Amino acid sequence: MESILLEDNPHWTNSAVYDDFIPRDILPKALSFLDTKHIVALIGARRVGKSTIAKLMIKELLKSVEAKNIFFINLEKPEFIPYKNDASYLNKIYDAYLKLADPNKEEKIYFFIDEIQIFENWEVFVKSKYENTSIKFIITGSNSSLLSSNYATTLTGRVLKLQIYSFSFLEFLRYKNIPYSTKIEQTAHKIEIARAKDAYLQWGGYYSVIATEDALIKKEILKNIAEDIILKDIVPRYKIKNSGAIKDLFYYVASNATTLLNYATLAKKINIDAKSIKEYIGYFEDNFLISTISNYNTKVTEQIKSAKKLYLNDNGFLNLGVSRSANSGIRLENLIYTILSQKNENITYLRDTLEIDFFVQQYGFFQVSYDIKDEKTKQREVNSFQHFNKEGKYKNLLITYDTNEKSEDVETVSFEKFVFDFYIQ
């Protein structure tokens, strides 16, 4: 046990151990939560950087907190797996920390628990410590239902959640050391930004993917990430017997991003019933592999019942499809969705005789078209805006690969302009 604790807490002996970690945009918000009594929950898919953000928080805490009063433990270690059904073992881990590190108990202890969902009924341990000690808990988890169990509801009102994503395009530019903060920098580095855009459209923002140049390795890493989520999180948690079928389903789903879900068609391809397909899609969504959006309707019940459009939560996964290759338009639309979804919870589409890709009530209508050089393509997009926005109540934004122009009713922007001038606000 002692060797495990020392391995997970190198900051006890080396205060500079996290100095080379890459800062993330979410970090200031995460740090602001440290001043509260609340439990901080960092949630997101595997390998998006939850542990890194936790360690960046530790790096900041070390400026004012005694190192031994900061405790980090990763529950995915093989040594802990045999005890995952015994929440009381978390007490043993904590007691071992107290004995080894001998922290100052008169001061606050910052307790970071990584991948907490590994232990069943972890909430019992956290709740008891939360109510009876001055421990500040920072937990990470890899599914959106982390706090929805019967036990976890006892923590309602005591948790501040932050969803963590793979690198955004702006974070990707900073990783590549490409300046973009001013109009001058954006103009001076136009070519580098355009190349970065192409790379990001194709490969997404997982750090382990963007950190390698070999395309075959990139694809293999993405496959490993997806299958880790499926085989290590989804299959054991939901007790799925046919792991091969659910894995195949994800690859078919990756081939149909940006389209309407058809459970019956998918069921025929995978040779399992439509009810199971619908459940599996829900598991993918709960574990941050995909997202779905509904057709907008003023009646919430009708909106819920509507056909769902499906998006992958990182563009890199588009490379894993089996039945078609993702074209440039698919990549751009999927990427715009991931950007919009990080700032807007309620995104819908509109569809009857025409279609609007995204509707966000706080802003307006978003259409995505890779290339509008063809006049018919351009007019089709304009017609959709006019059809759904007859009264001009909302803004109309057409996002393209590289076109910028403005008419009376529609503003057309390149991907870069959308990110720099709209999303960055």
Protein backbone atom coordinates (compact mmCIF):
# COMPACT_ATOMS: atom_id res chain seq x y z
CA MET A 1 0.00 0.00 0.00
CA GLU A 2 2.73 2.51 0.95
CA SER A 3 4.50 2.14 -2.40
CA ILE A 4 1.20 2.81 -4.23
CA LEU A 5 0.57 5.96 -2.20
CA LEU A 6 4.08 7.24 -2.87
CA GLU A 7 3.74 6.49 -6.58
CA ASP A 8 0.53 8.53 -6.81
CA ASN A 9 1.86 11.45 -4.74
CA PRO A 10 5.27 12.47 -6.10
CA HIS A 11 4.55 16.05 -5.03
CA TRP A 12 5.28 14.99 -1.42
CA THR A 13 8.97 14.88 -2.33
CA ASN A 14 9.15 16.98 -5.51
CA SER A 15 7.10 20.19 -5.65
CA ALA A 16 8.04 20.75 -9.32
CA VAL A 17 6.77 17.38 -10.56
CA TYR A 18 3.76 18.84 -12.42
CA ASP A 19 5.50 21.91 -13.85
CA ASP A 20 5.60 20.54 -17.42
CA PHE A 21 1.87 19.77 -17.57
CA ILE A 22 -0.01 21.66 -20.31
CA PRO A 23 -2.52 24.19 -18.88
CA ARG A 24 -6.17 23.74 -19.84
CA ASP A 25 -8.83 26.43 -20.31
CA ILE A 26 -11.09 24.87 -17.67
CA LEU A 27 -8.43 25.15 -14.96
CA PRO A 28 -9.34 28.63 -13.58
CA LYS A 29 -12.94 27.54 -13.06
CA ALA A 30 -11.83 24.30 -11.40
CA LEU A 31 -9.53 26.26 -9.08
CA SER A 32 -12.35 28.64 -8.12
CA PHE A 33 -14.30 25.63 -6.83
CA LEU A 34 -11.54 24.83 -4.34
CA ASP A 35 -12.65 27.73 -2.16
CA THR A 36 -16.03 26.12 -1.53
CA LYS A 37 -17.09 23.37 0.84
CA HIS A 38 -18.61 21.48 -2.09
CA ILE A 39 -17.26 18.25 -3.54
CA VAL A 40 -15.70 18.98 -6.93
CA ALA A 41 -16.49 16.39 -9.62
CA LEU A 42 -14.45 16.36 -12.82
CA ILE A 43 -16.35 14.20 -15.29
CA GLY A 44 -15.54 13.21 -18.85
CA ALA A 45 -14.46 10.37 -21.10
CA ARG A 46 -11.35 8.34 -20.48
CA ARG A 47 -8.10 10.08 -21.39
CA VAL A 48 -9.52 13.56 -21.99
CA GLY A 49 -7.30 14.92 -19.23
CA LYS A 50 -9.27 14.69 -15.97
CA SER A 51 -6.24 13.41 -14.05
CA THR A 52 -4.05 16.08 -15.63
CA ILE A 53 -6.41 18.84 -14.52
CA ALA A 54 -6.50 17.33 -11.02
CA LYS A 55 -2.69 17.46 -10.92
CA LEU A 56 -2.67 21.01 -12.23
CA MET A 57 -4.97 21.85 -9.32
CA ILE A 58 -2.45 20.20 -7.00
CA LYS A 59 0.32 22.28 -8.57
CA GLU A 60 -1.61 25.44 -7.71
CA LEU A 61 -2.44 24.25 -4.19
CA LEU A 62 1.23 23.60 -3.47
CA LYS A 63 1.77 27.37 -3.47
CA SER A 64 -0.17 27.69 -0.21
CA VAL A 65 -0.83 24.20 1.16
CA GLU A 66 1.57 21.77 2.81
CA ALA A 67 2.32 19.01 0.28
CA LYS A 68 1.37 16.19 2.64
CA ASN A 69 -2.09 17.71 3.10
CA ILE A 70 -2.76 16.98 -0.56
CA PHE A 71 -3.59 13.33 -1.28
CA PHE A 72 -4.16 11.82 -4.75
CA ILE A 73 -5.18 8.22 -5.39
CA ASN A 74 -6.03 6.44 -8.64
CA LEU A 75 -8.61 3.72 -7.97
CA GLU A 76 -7.93 2.00 -11.31
CA LYS A 77 -4.72 0.50 -10.02
CA PRO A 78 -4.80 -3.31 -10.26
CA GLU A 79 -4.12 -3.62 -6.53
CA PHE A 80 -7.48 -1.98 -5.74
CA ILE A 81 -9.69 -3.90 -8.19
CA PRO A 82 -10.29 -6.91 -5.84
CA TYR A 83 -11.87 -4.50 -3.33
CA LYS A 84 -14.11 -2.55 -5.74
CA ASN A 85 -17.28 -4.01 -4.20
CA ASP A 86 -16.25 -2.97 -0.70
CA ALA A 87 -16.63 0.78 -0.14
CA SER A 88 -15.15 0.42 3.35
CA TYR A 89 -11.78 -0.25 1.69
CA LEU A 90 -11.67 3.46 0.84
CA ASN A 91 -11.37 4.08 4.57
CA LYS A 92 -8.36 1.76 4.67
CA ILE A 93 -6.72 3.70 1.84
CA TYR A 94 -7.34 6.97 3.67
CA ASP A 95 -6.05 5.59 6.97
CA ALA A 96 -2.92 4.34 5.22
CA TYR A 97 -2.40 7.87 3.87
CA LEU A 98 -2.74 9.37 7.34
CA LYS A 99 -0.24 6.91 8.75
CA LEU A 100 2.31 7.37 5.95
CA ALA A 101 2.13 11.09 5.24
CA ASP A 102 1.17 12.31 8.72
CA PRO A 103 -0.59 15.44 7.44
CA ASN A 104 -1.53 18.37 9.65
CA LYS A 105 -5.08 17.41 10.66
CA GLU A 106 -5.76 20.88 12.00
CA GLU A 107 -5.55 22.16 8.44
CA LYS A 108 -7.75 21.24 5.50
CA ILE A 109 -6.88 18.02 3.65
CA TYR A 110 -7.40 17.99 -0.12
CA PHE A 111 -8.37 14.47 -1.16
CA PHE A 112 -8.25 13.74 -4.91
CA ILE A 113 -9.89 10.44 -5.94
CA ASP A 114 -9.35 9.46 -9.58
CA GLU A 115 -11.92 7.28 -11.42
CA ILE A 116 -14.07 7.00 -8.33
CA GLN A 117 -16.82 5.04 -10.10
CA ILE A 118 -14.56 1.96 -9.94
CA PHE A 119 -15.77 1.42 -6.35
CA GLU A 120 -19.41 0.58 -5.79
CA ASN A 121 -21.18 2.74 -3.20
CA TRP A 122 -18.25 5.15 -3.04
CA GLU A 123 -20.78 7.81 -2.06
CA VAL A 124 -21.14 6.27 1.42
CA PHE A 125 -17.47 6.91 2.18
CA VAL A 126 -17.41 10.41 0.69
CA LYS A 127 -20.63 11.49 2.40
CA SER A 128 -19.47 10.34 5.85
CA LYS A 129 -16.15 12.18 5.52
CA TYR A 130 -17.77 15.23 3.94
CA GLU A 131 -20.15 15.67 6.86
CA ASN A 132 -17.77 14.85 9.71
CA THR A 133 -14.39 16.25 8.65
CA SER A 134 -12.87 19.25 6.90
CA ILE A 135 -11.70 17.17 3.94
CA LYS A 136 -12.07 18.83 0.54
CA PHE A 137 -12.95 16.14 -2.02
CA ILE A 138 -12.03 16.41 -5.69
CA ILE A 139 -13.24 13.36 -7.59
CA THR A 140 -13.03 12.29 -11.22
CA GLY A 141 -15.36 9.95 -13.07
CA SER A 142 -15.88 8.60 -16.56
CA ASN A 143 -19.66 8.52 -16.90
CA SER A 144 -22.34 11.20 -16.80
CA SER A 145 -24.44 9.16 -14.34
CA LEU A 146 -21.72 9.35 -11.70
CA LEU A 147 -24.03 11.22 -9.34
CA SER A 148 -27.37 9.66 -10.23
CA SER A 149 -27.42 6.49 -8.13
CA ASN A 150 -29.63 6.13 -5.08
CA TYR A 151 -26.65 6.70 -2.82
CA ALA A 152 -25.34 9.64 -4.80
CA THR A 153 -28.63 11.51 -4.50
CA THR A 154 -27.70 12.02 -0.86
CA LEU A 155 -24.95 14.30 -2.17
CA THR A 156 -27.41 16.51 -4.07
CA GLY A 157 -26.55 20.16 -3.51
CA ARG A 158 -23.10 19.25 -2.23
CA VAL A 159 -21.37 18.72 -5.59
CA LEU A 160 -20.04 21.13 -8.21
CA LYS A 161 -19.62 19.37 -11.57
CA LEU A 162 -17.22 20.27 -14.36
CA GLN A 163 -17.26 18.36 -17.64
CA ILE A 164 -13.83 17.86 -19.15
CA TYR A 165 -13.33 17.54 -22.89
CA SER A 166 -10.42 16.69 -25.17
CA PHE A 167 -8.33 19.66 -26.35
CA SER A 168 -10.36 22.46 -27.94
CA PHE A 169 -9.09 24.02 -31.16
CA LEU A 170 -7.69 26.97 -29.22
CA GLU A 171 -5.89 24.64 -26.83
CA PHE A 172 -4.61 22.74 -29.88
CA LEU A 173 -3.18 25.97 -31.32
CA ARG A 174 -1.44 26.72 -28.04
CA TYR A 175 -0.05 23.18 -27.96
CA LYS A 176 1.33 23.81 -31.46
CA ASN A 177 2.72 27.18 -30.31
CA ILE A 178 0.68 29.04 -32.94
CA PRO A 179 -0.23 32.59 -31.79
CA TYR A 180 -3.86 33.62 -32.38
CA SER A 181 -4.84 36.07 -29.62
CA THR A 182 -5.04 39.20 -31.82
CA LYS A 183 -6.16 39.97 -35.37
CA ILE A 184 -2.52 40.69 -36.22
CA GLU A 185 -1.42 37.27 -34.96
CA GLN A 186 -4.29 35.55 -36.76
CA THR A 187 -3.28 37.22 -40.01
CA ALA A 188 0.45 36.68 -39.57
CA HIS A 189 -0.03 32.98 -38.82
CA LYS A 190 -2.87 32.35 -41.26
CA ILE A 191 -1.13 29.44 -43.00
CA GLU A 192 -0.15 27.68 -39.75
CA ILE A 193 -3.69 28.11 -38.41
CA ALA A 194 -5.16 26.66 -41.62
CA ARG A 195 -2.88 23.62 -41.41
CA ALA A 196 -3.80 23.16 -37.75
CA LYS A 197 -7.47 23.37 -38.70
CA ASP A 198 -7.08 20.52 -41.20
CA ALA A 199 -5.25 18.37 -38.64
CA TYR A 200 -7.84 19.08 -35.95
CA LEU A 201 -10.77 18.38 -38.30
CA GLN A 202 -9.29 14.99 -39.09
CA TRP A 203 -7.84 13.85 -35.77
CA GLY A 204 -9.66 15.73 -33.00
CA GLY A 205 -8.20 16.79 -29.68
CA TYR A 206 -7.07 13.78 -27.63
CA TYR A 207 -3.60 14.66 -26.35
CA SER A 208 -2.13 11.22 -27.01
CA VAL A 209 -3.33 11.50 -30.62
CA ILE A 210 -2.09 15.01 -31.37
CA ALA A 211 1.22 14.23 -29.69
CA THR A 212 2.17 11.74 -32.43
CA GLU A 213 2.66 12.41 -36.15
CA ASP A 214 2.13 8.88 -37.50
CA ALA A 215 -1.40 8.48 -38.93
CA LEU A 216 -1.51 4.72 -38.32
CA ILE A 217 -0.52 5.22 -34.68
CA LYS A 218 -3.09 8.00 -34.29
CA LYS A 219 -5.83 5.68 -35.53
CA GLU A 220 -4.67 2.85 -33.28
CA ILE A 221 -4.68 5.17 -30.24
CA LEU A 222 -8.22 6.30 -31.05
CA LYS A 223 -9.33 2.68 -31.40
CA ASN A 224 -7.76 1.86 -28.03
CA ILE A 225 -9.52 4.81 -26.37
CA ALA A 226 -12.92 3.81 -27.77
CA GLU A 227 -12.50 0.15 -26.88
CA ASP A 228 -11.26 0.99 -23.37
CA ILE A 229 -14.45 2.97 -22.79
CA ILE A 230 -16.58 0.13 -24.15
CA LEU A 231 -14.80 -2.84 -22.60
CA LYS A 232 -13.63 -1.35 -19.28
CA ASP A 233 -16.54 0.98 -18.49
CA ILE A 234 -19.67 0.02 -20.38
CA VAL A 235 -19.49 -3.79 -20.60
CA PRO A 236 -18.78 -4.50 -16.89
CA ARG A 237 -20.99 -1.72 -15.55
CA TYR A 238 -24.09 -2.80 -17.48
CA LYS A 239 -23.20 -6.52 -17.40
CA ILE A 240 -23.27 -6.88 -21.19
CA LYS A 241 -22.63 -10.43 -22.32
CA ASN A 242 -21.99 -9.83 -26.02
CA SER A 243 -19.08 -7.38 -25.91
CA GLY A 244 -18.32 -8.01 -29.59
CA ALA A 245 -21.74 -6.81 -30.69
CA ILE A 246 -21.63 -3.56 -28.75
CA LYS A 247 -18.13 -2.89 -30.05
CA ASP A 248 -19.33 -3.48 -33.62
CA LEU A 249 -22.25 -1.15 -32.99
CA PHE A 250 -19.93 1.69 -32.07
CA TYR A 251 -18.01 1.31 -35.32
CA TYR A 252 -21.28 1.43 -37.28
CA VAL A 253 -22.30 4.48 -35.28
CA ALA A 254 -18.97 6.13 -36.11
CA SER A 255 -19.83 5.56 -39.78
CA ASN A 256 -23.15 7.40 -39.41
CA ALA A 257 -22.23 10.52 -37.46
CA THR A 258 -24.30 13.64 -38.28
CA THR A 259 -27.22 11.50 -39.53
CA LEU A 260 -30.55 10.48 -38.02
CA LEU A 261 -30.47 7.36 -35.86
CA ASN A 262 -32.44 4.40 -37.16
CA TYR A 263 -32.51 1.66 -34.52
CA ALA A 264 -34.19 -0.89 -36.78
CA THR A 265 -31.57 -0.52 -39.52
CA LEU A 266 -28.72 -0.76 -37.03
CA ALA A 267 -30.30 -3.82 -35.44
CA LYS A 268 -30.30 -5.64 -38.78
CA LYS A 269 -26.63 -4.81 -39.39
CA ILE A 270 -25.48 -5.91 -35.93
CA ASN A 271 -28.00 -8.75 -35.65
CA ILE A 272 -29.38 -7.72 -32.25
CA ASP A 273 -32.78 -6.33 -31.37
CA ALA A 274 -33.65 -2.64 -31.72
CA LYS A 275 -34.41 -2.32 -27.99
CA SER A 276 -30.86 -3.37 -27.14
CA ILE A 277 -29.49 -1.01 -29.79
CA LYS A 278 -31.32 1.89 -28.15
CA GLU A 279 -29.95 0.91 -24.73
CA TYR A 280 -26.40 0.60 -26.05
CA ILE A 281 -26.63 4.02 -27.71
CA GLY A 282 -27.63 5.38 -24.30
CA TYR A 283 -24.56 3.75 -22.76
CA PHE A 284 -22.31 5.34 -25.39
CA GLU A 285 -23.82 8.70 -24.55
CA ASP A 286 -23.54 8.20 -20.80
CA ASN A 287 -19.86 7.42 -21.19
CA PHE A 288 -19.09 10.41 -23.42
CA LEU A 289 -18.44 8.60 -26.70
CA ILE A 290 -21.37 10.20 -28.52
CA SER A 291 -24.12 12.78 -28.16
CA THR A 292 -27.61 12.91 -29.65
CA ILE A 293 -29.89 15.87 -30.31
CA SER A 294 -33.65 16.07 -30.88
CA ASN A 295 -35.83 17.77 -33.45
CA TYR A 296 -36.99 21.05 -31.90
CA ASN A 297 -40.60 21.22 -30.83
CA THR A 298 -42.46 23.65 -28.60
CA LYS A 299 -43.91 20.59 -26.85
CA VAL A 300 -41.16 18.95 -24.82
CA THR A 301 -42.77 15.51 -24.99
CA GLU A 302 -42.80 15.65 -28.80
CA GLN A 303 -39.20 16.80 -28.85
CA ILE A 304 -38.17 13.87 -26.66
CA LYS A 305 -39.97 11.40 -28.95
CA SER A 306 -38.44 12.81 -32.13
CA ALA A 307 -35.76 11.05 -34.19
CA LYS A 308 -32.27 11.76 -32.86
CA LYS A 309 -29.26 13.05 -34.77
CA LEU A 310 -25.99 11.53 -33.65
CA TYR A 311 -22.58 13.15 -33.17
CA LEU A 312 -19.25 11.82 -31.96
CA ASN A 313 -17.71 13.67 -29.02
CA ASP A 314 -14.30 13.91 -30.67
CA ASN A 315 -13.62 14.19 -34.40
CA GLY A 316 -10.88 11.60 -34.16
CA PHE A 317 -13.46 8.84 -33.74
CA LEU A 318 -14.71 9.55 -37.28
CA ASN A 319 -11.64 7.64 -38.47
CA LEU A 320 -13.01 4.42 -36.97
CA GLY A 321 -16.12 4.04 -39.12
CA VAL A 322 -16.55 0.83 -41.10
CA SER A 323 -19.09 1.54 -43.85
CA ARG A 324 -18.06 4.94 -45.17
CA SER A 325 -15.22 7.41 -44.89
CA ALA A 326 -15.99 10.70 -43.21
CA ASN A 327 -15.99 13.44 -45.83
CA SER A 328 -15.01 17.04 -45.18
CA GLY A 329 -18.61 18.16 -44.64
CA ILE A 330 -19.22 15.47 -42.01
CA ARG A 331 -16.01 16.40 -40.20
CA LEU A 332 -16.89 20.10 -40.15
CA GLU A 333 -20.48 19.56 -38.96
CA ASN A 334 -19.39 17.14 -36.24
CA LEU A 335 -16.73 19.58 -35.05
CA ILE A 336 -19.15 22.52 -34.94
CA TYR A 337 -21.47 20.41 -32.81
CA THR A 338 -18.71 19.59 -30.31
CA ILE A 339 -17.85 23.28 -30.03
CA LEU A 340 -21.46 24.41 -29.57
CA SER A 341 -22.22 21.66 -27.06
CA GLN A 342 -19.47 22.77 -24.69
CA LYS A 343 -21.25 26.08 -24.10
CA ASN A 344 -24.89 25.17 -24.70
CA GLU A 345 -26.82 22.36 -23.04
CA ASN A 346 -29.96 22.57 -25.17
CA ILE A 347 -29.02 22.12 -28.81
CA THR A 348 -31.66 20.86 -31.25
CA TYR A 349 -32.07 20.57 -35.00
CA LEU A 350 -35.09 21.48 -37.12
CA ARG A 351 -36.46 19.35 -39.90
CA ASP A 352 -39.60 19.15 -42.00
CA THR A 353 -39.33 19.83 -45.73
CA LEU A 354 -36.03 21.63 -45.07
CA GLU A 355 -33.46 21.32 -42.31
CA ILE A 356 -31.43 23.46 -39.91
CA ASP A 357 -28.36 21.74 -38.48
CA PHE A 358 -28.41 23.39 -35.05
CA PHE A 359 -30.76 25.63 -33.10
CA VAL A 360 -29.64 27.34 -29.90
CA GLN A 361 -32.40 29.50 -28.45
CA GLN A 362 -29.99 31.95 -26.80
CA TYR A 363 -28.42 32.70 -30.17
CA GLY A 364 -30.20 31.39 -33.22
CA PHE A 365 -29.76 29.08 -36.21
CA PHE A 366 -26.51 27.46 -37.32
CA GLN A 367 -26.01 25.84 -40.70
CA VAL A 368 -22.79 24.04 -41.62
CA SER A 369 -21.67 23.75 -45.24
CA TYR A 370 -18.08 22.95 -46.11
CA ASP A 371 -18.17 24.70 -49.48
CA ILE A 372 -20.74 27.15 -50.86
CA LYS A 373 -19.04 27.96 -54.16
CA ASP A 374 -21.90 26.19 -55.92
CA GLU A 375 -24.81 28.63 -56.05
CA LYS A 376 -27.38 25.85 -55.55
CA THR A 377 -25.69 24.76 -52.34
CA LYS A 378 -25.59 28.32 -51.06
CA GLN A 379 -29.25 28.94 -51.92
CA ARG A 380 -30.30 25.70 -50.21
CA GLU A 381 -28.77 26.91 -46.95
CA VAL A 382 -30.32 30.37 -47.29
CA ASN A 383 -33.73 28.83 -48.01
CA SER A 384 -33.53 26.83 -44.77
CA PHE A 385 -32.90 29.99 -42.76
CA GLN A 386 -35.81 31.77 -44.46
CA HIS A 387 -38.11 28.78 -43.93
CA PHE A 388 -37.54 28.48 -40.17
CA ASN A 389 -36.81 32.11 -39.32
CA LYS A 390 -39.58 33.88 -41.21
CA GLU A 391 -39.97 36.63 -38.59
CA GLY A 392 -36.24 37.25 -38.29
CA LYS A 393 -36.37 36.64 -34.55
CA TYR A 394 -33.01 34.85 -34.45
CA LYS A 395 -29.58 35.27 -35.98
CA ASN A 396 -28.62 33.15 -38.98
CA LEU A 397 -25.03 31.91 -39.05
CA LEU A 398 -23.67 29.80 -41.90
CA ILE A 399 -20.35 28.18 -41.01
CA THR A 400 -18.05 27.12 -43.84
CA TYR A 401 -14.51 25.87 -44.26
CA ASP A 402 -13.05 29.17 -45.50
CA THR A 403 -15.72 31.61 -46.76
CA ASN A 404 -16.54 34.92 -45.07
CA GLU A 405 -19.33 37.17 -46.37
CA LYS A 406 -22.39 38.93 -45.06
CA SER A 407 -25.84 39.54 -46.49
CA GLU A 408 -28.83 41.24 -44.96
CA ASP A 409 -30.17 38.05 -43.36
CA VAL A 410 -27.27 35.61 -43.21
CA GLU A 411 -23.72 35.92 -41.96
CA THR A 412 -21.34 33.42 -43.52
CA VAL A 413 -18.15 32.73 -41.61
CA SER A 414 -15.13 30.48 -41.97
CA PHE A 415 -14.37 27.98 -39.24
CA GLU A 416 -11.56 30.21 -37.94
CA LYS A 417 -13.79 33.27 -37.75
CA PHE A 418 -16.48 31.26 -35.98
CA VAL A 419 -13.98 30.14 -33.34
CA PHE A 420 -12.16 33.46 -32.92
CA ASP A 421 -15.05 35.92 -33.22
CA PHE A 422 -18.07 33.96 -31.99
CA TYR A 423 -17.10 31.04 -29.84
CA ILE A 424 -14.35 32.87 -27.97
CA GLN A 425 -16.83 35.46 -26.64
